[in-house]
Amino acid sequence: MRTLAHLDDMQCAILAQRGDSRAFSELVARYQDRIYRFLLRLVRTPEDASELTQDTFLRAYQGLNRWRPDAQFKTWLFRIARNGAFDLLRRDKVVEFVELDDDTDVPDAAAGPEAIVETAQRYRMLEAALLRLPAEHREILLLREIEDMSYEHIADVLDLNIGTVKSRIARARAALLDIVRHQTESRR
């Protein structure tokens, strides 16, 4: 049972800074799956994503004294994860996404078989289109569309100004749409 589940992230992080390991464990429980999924889409293999997830939390634990309550803990944690992923990508010169298993996004079970197949095809097409985007575009779309981060939080994670975040998101969406259009046209 998670004994500190009633506390918000800031309260847990402050307790963790004071040496409460249960508070840090609560933060790990809240974010490990989200960090893993984010990293899986940025790096080549589930093994790398798993290792980077562990490394993210280790670095966060070791750097707790550098976290400040005026920064959202989630944003700080995603920045650590992002930096680790890009270090690996630069080192290995890997810039492609890993396609997720078909059961990652489950279509509506109430829909008919044709709708389920169509939805699954759309997800695969979107994943394939994401594979073709530059890493900077994938990253910003993941933070905005998958992690549902605000422009301000994305700016904090990526160390950019908000105007740059907005323009990069617009360019990334346009590039993704262009790729999807080409994929759709080539299937006809």
Protein backbone atom coordinates (compact mmCIF):
# COMPACT_ATOMS: atom_id res chain seq x y z
CA MET A 1 0.00 0.00 0.00
CA ARG A 2 1.26 3.45 -0.89
CA THR A 3 1.22 5.30 2.41
CA LEU A 4 2.00 8.72 0.94
CA ALA A 5 -0.37 8.60 -2.05
CA HIS A 6 -2.44 11.43 -0.55
CA LEU A 7 0.48 13.89 -0.83
CA ASP A 8 1.14 15.91 -3.97
CA ASP A 9 4.45 15.75 -5.85
CA MET A 10 5.89 18.83 -4.17
CA GLN A 11 5.16 17.50 -0.70
CA CYS A 12 6.72 14.14 -1.54
CA ALA A 13 9.77 15.76 -3.11
CA ILE A 14 10.32 18.00 -0.09
CA LEU A 15 10.05 15.00 2.24
CA ALA A 16 12.43 13.06 -0.01
CA GLN A 17 14.91 15.95 0.14
CA ARG A 18 14.78 15.63 3.92
CA GLY A 19 15.71 11.96 3.66
CA ASP A 20 12.31 10.24 3.64
CA SER A 21 12.86 7.27 1.31
CA ARG A 22 9.14 6.41 1.38
CA ALA A 23 8.40 9.79 -0.21
CA PHE A 24 10.86 9.18 -3.01
CA SER A 25 9.44 5.67 -3.50
CA GLU A 26 6.01 7.26 -3.89
CA LEU A 27 7.36 9.55 -6.63
CA VAL A 28 8.92 6.56 -8.38
CA ALA A 29 5.60 4.70 -8.22
CA ARG A 30 3.81 7.70 -9.75
CA TYR A 31 6.21 8.29 -12.63
CA GLN A 32 8.14 5.13 -13.51
CA ASP A 33 5.64 3.92 -16.13
CA ARG A 34 5.31 7.36 -17.77
CA ILE A 35 9.08 7.88 -17.85
CA TYR A 36 9.59 4.39 -19.27
CA ARG A 37 7.01 4.93 -22.06
CA PHE A 38 8.53 8.31 -22.91
CA LEU A 39 12.02 6.83 -23.06
CA LEU A 40 10.89 3.78 -25.03
CA ARG A 41 9.73 6.08 -27.80
CA LEU A 42 13.03 7.95 -27.77
CA VAL A 43 15.50 5.05 -27.71
CA ARG A 44 15.97 1.87 -29.67
CA THR A 45 15.13 -0.96 -27.29
CA PRO A 46 13.03 -1.77 -24.23
CA GLU A 47 16.28 -2.70 -22.48
CA ASP A 48 17.73 0.77 -23.08
CA ALA A 49 14.47 2.38 -21.96
CA SER A 50 14.45 0.28 -18.81
CA GLU A 51 18.07 1.09 -18.03
CA LEU A 52 17.50 4.79 -18.70
CA THR A 53 14.41 4.76 -16.48
CA GLN A 54 16.44 3.35 -13.61
CA ASP A 55 19.21 5.83 -14.33
CA THR A 56 16.69 8.70 -14.37
CA PHE A 57 15.46 7.85 -10.89
CA LEU A 58 18.97 7.27 -9.60
CA ARG A 59 20.05 10.68 -10.92
CA ALA A 60 16.93 12.28 -9.50
CA TYR A 61 17.57 10.74 -6.10
CA GLN A 62 21.21 11.81 -6.14
CA GLY A 63 20.25 15.29 -7.31
CA LEU A 64 17.30 15.90 -5.00
CA ASN A 65 19.19 18.71 -3.29
CA ARG A 66 19.20 20.57 -6.66
CA TRP A 67 15.42 20.34 -7.14
CA ARG A 68 13.63 23.51 -6.06
CA PRO A 69 9.95 23.72 -5.06
CA ASP A 70 9.39 26.49 -7.61
CA ALA A 71 9.96 23.88 -10.35
CA GLN A 72 7.39 21.16 -10.92
CA PHE A 73 8.89 17.80 -9.94
CA LYS A 74 7.44 16.08 -13.02
CA THR A 75 9.08 18.62 -15.33
CA TRP A 76 12.43 18.22 -13.57
CA LEU A 77 12.18 14.43 -13.80
CA PHE A 78 11.31 14.45 -17.52
CA ARG A 79 14.27 16.75 -18.17
CA ILE A 80 16.59 14.23 -16.48
CA ALA A 81 15.07 11.41 -18.57
CA ARG A 82 15.31 13.42 -21.78
CA ASN A 83 18.94 14.33 -21.17
CA GLY A 84 19.83 10.70 -20.51
CA ALA A 85 18.05 9.57 -23.68
CA PHE A 86 19.75 12.15 -25.86
CA ASP A 87 23.13 11.29 -24.36
CA LEU A 88 22.51 7.66 -25.40
CA LEU A 89 21.24 8.66 -28.83
CA ARG A 90 24.29 10.84 -29.47
CA ARG A 91 26.64 8.16 -28.21
CA ASP A 92 25.03 5.41 -30.29
CA LYS A 93 23.92 7.72 -33.13
CA VAL A 94 20.41 6.29 -32.84
CA VAL A 95 17.56 8.51 -33.92
CA GLU A 96 14.59 6.22 -34.47
CA PHE A 97 11.58 5.33 -32.37
CA VAL A 98 10.63 1.86 -31.27
CA GLU A 99 7.22 0.74 -32.49
CA LEU A 100 5.10 -0.19 -29.51
CA ASP A 101 3.26 -3.47 -29.16
CA ASP A 102 -0.22 -3.59 -30.67
CA ASP A 103 -1.78 -3.73 -27.20
CA THR A 104 -0.35 -0.34 -26.18
CA ASP A 105 -3.45 1.53 -27.35
CA VAL A 106 -6.52 -0.65 -27.24
CA PRO A 107 -9.36 0.31 -29.58
CA ASP A 108 -12.88 0.62 -28.20
CA ALA A 109 -14.14 -2.91 -27.56
CA ALA A 110 -17.73 -1.80 -28.24
CA ALA A 111 -16.78 -0.93 -31.82
CA GLY A 112 -17.31 -3.44 -34.57
CA PRO A 113 -14.46 -5.53 -36.00
CA GLU A 114 -13.94 -3.19 -38.95
CA ALA A 115 -13.63 -0.16 -36.69
CA ILE A 116 -11.18 -1.98 -34.45
CA VAL A 117 -9.00 -2.95 -37.41
CA GLU A 118 -9.18 0.57 -38.82
CA THR A 119 -8.19 2.09 -35.46
CA ALA A 120 -5.27 -0.32 -35.08
CA GLN A 121 -4.11 0.55 -38.60
CA ARG A 122 -4.23 4.26 -37.77
CA TYR A 123 -2.11 3.71 -34.66
CA ARG A 124 0.46 1.76 -36.65
CA MET A 125 0.51 4.45 -39.34
CA LEU A 126 1.03 7.13 -36.70
CA GLU A 127 3.85 5.16 -35.07
CA ALA A 128 5.48 4.70 -38.48
CA ALA A 129 5.16 8.42 -39.17
CA LEU A 130 6.74 9.22 -35.79
CA LEU A 131 9.66 6.97 -36.74
CA ARG A 132 10.41 9.24 -39.67
CA LEU A 133 10.42 12.52 -37.72
CA PRO A 134 13.66 14.05 -36.46
CA ALA A 135 14.25 13.34 -32.75
CA GLU A 136 13.54 16.96 -31.76
CA HIS A 137 10.11 16.82 -33.39
CA ARG A 138 9.26 13.41 -31.87
CA GLU A 139 10.33 14.55 -28.46
CA ILE A 140 8.25 17.71 -28.43
CA LEU A 141 5.17 15.92 -29.77
CA LEU A 142 5.51 13.21 -27.11
CA LEU A 143 5.71 15.80 -24.35
CA ARG A 144 2.74 17.76 -25.66
CA GLU A 145 0.42 15.11 -27.06
CA ILE A 146 1.25 11.99 -25.05
CA GLU A 147 2.40 13.46 -21.73
CA ASP A 148 -0.07 16.37 -22.05
CA MET A 149 2.46 18.91 -20.78
CA SER A 150 1.77 22.62 -20.99
CA TYR A 151 3.94 24.84 -23.17
CA GLU A 152 5.54 26.22 -20.01
CA HIS A 153 6.49 22.77 -18.74
CA ILE A 154 7.83 21.72 -22.12
CA ALA A 155 9.92 24.90 -22.18
CA ASP A 156 11.32 23.94 -18.77
CA VAL A 157 12.07 20.35 -19.82
CA LEU A 158 13.77 21.35 -23.07
CA ASP A 159 15.29 24.58 -21.78
CA LEU A 160 13.64 26.63 -24.53
CA ASN A 161 11.54 29.77 -24.51
CA ILE A 162 7.78 29.36 -24.94
CA GLY A 163 7.77 30.93 -28.41
CA THR A 164 10.30 28.37 -29.60
CA VAL A 165 8.24 25.56 -28.08
CA LYS A 166 5.10 26.73 -29.88
CA SER A 167 6.84 27.09 -33.22
CA ARG A 168 8.62 23.74 -32.86
CA ILE A 169 5.31 22.03 -32.03
CA ALA A 170 3.69 23.64 -35.07
CA ARG A 171 6.56 22.50 -37.32
CA ALA A 172 6.51 19.00 -35.81
CA ARG A 173 2.75 18.67 -36.32
CA ALA A 174 3.06 19.91 -39.91
CA ALA A 175 5.88 17.46 -40.60
CA LEU A 176 3.91 14.59 -39.05
CA LEU A 177 0.83 15.50 -41.07
CA ASP A 178 2.90 15.63 -44.25
CA ILE A 179 4.35 12.17 -43.56
CA VAL A 180 0.89 10.74 -42.82
CA ARG A 181 -0.47 12.25 -46.05
CA HIS A 182 2.34 10.68 -48.06
CA GLN A 183 1.78 7.31 -46.35
CA THR A 184 -1.95 7.51 -47.10
CA GLU A 185 -1.37 8.45 -50.73
CA SER A 186 1.14 5.64 -51.24
CA ARG A 187 -1.38 3.07 -49.93
CA ARG A 188 -3.94 4.04 -52.56
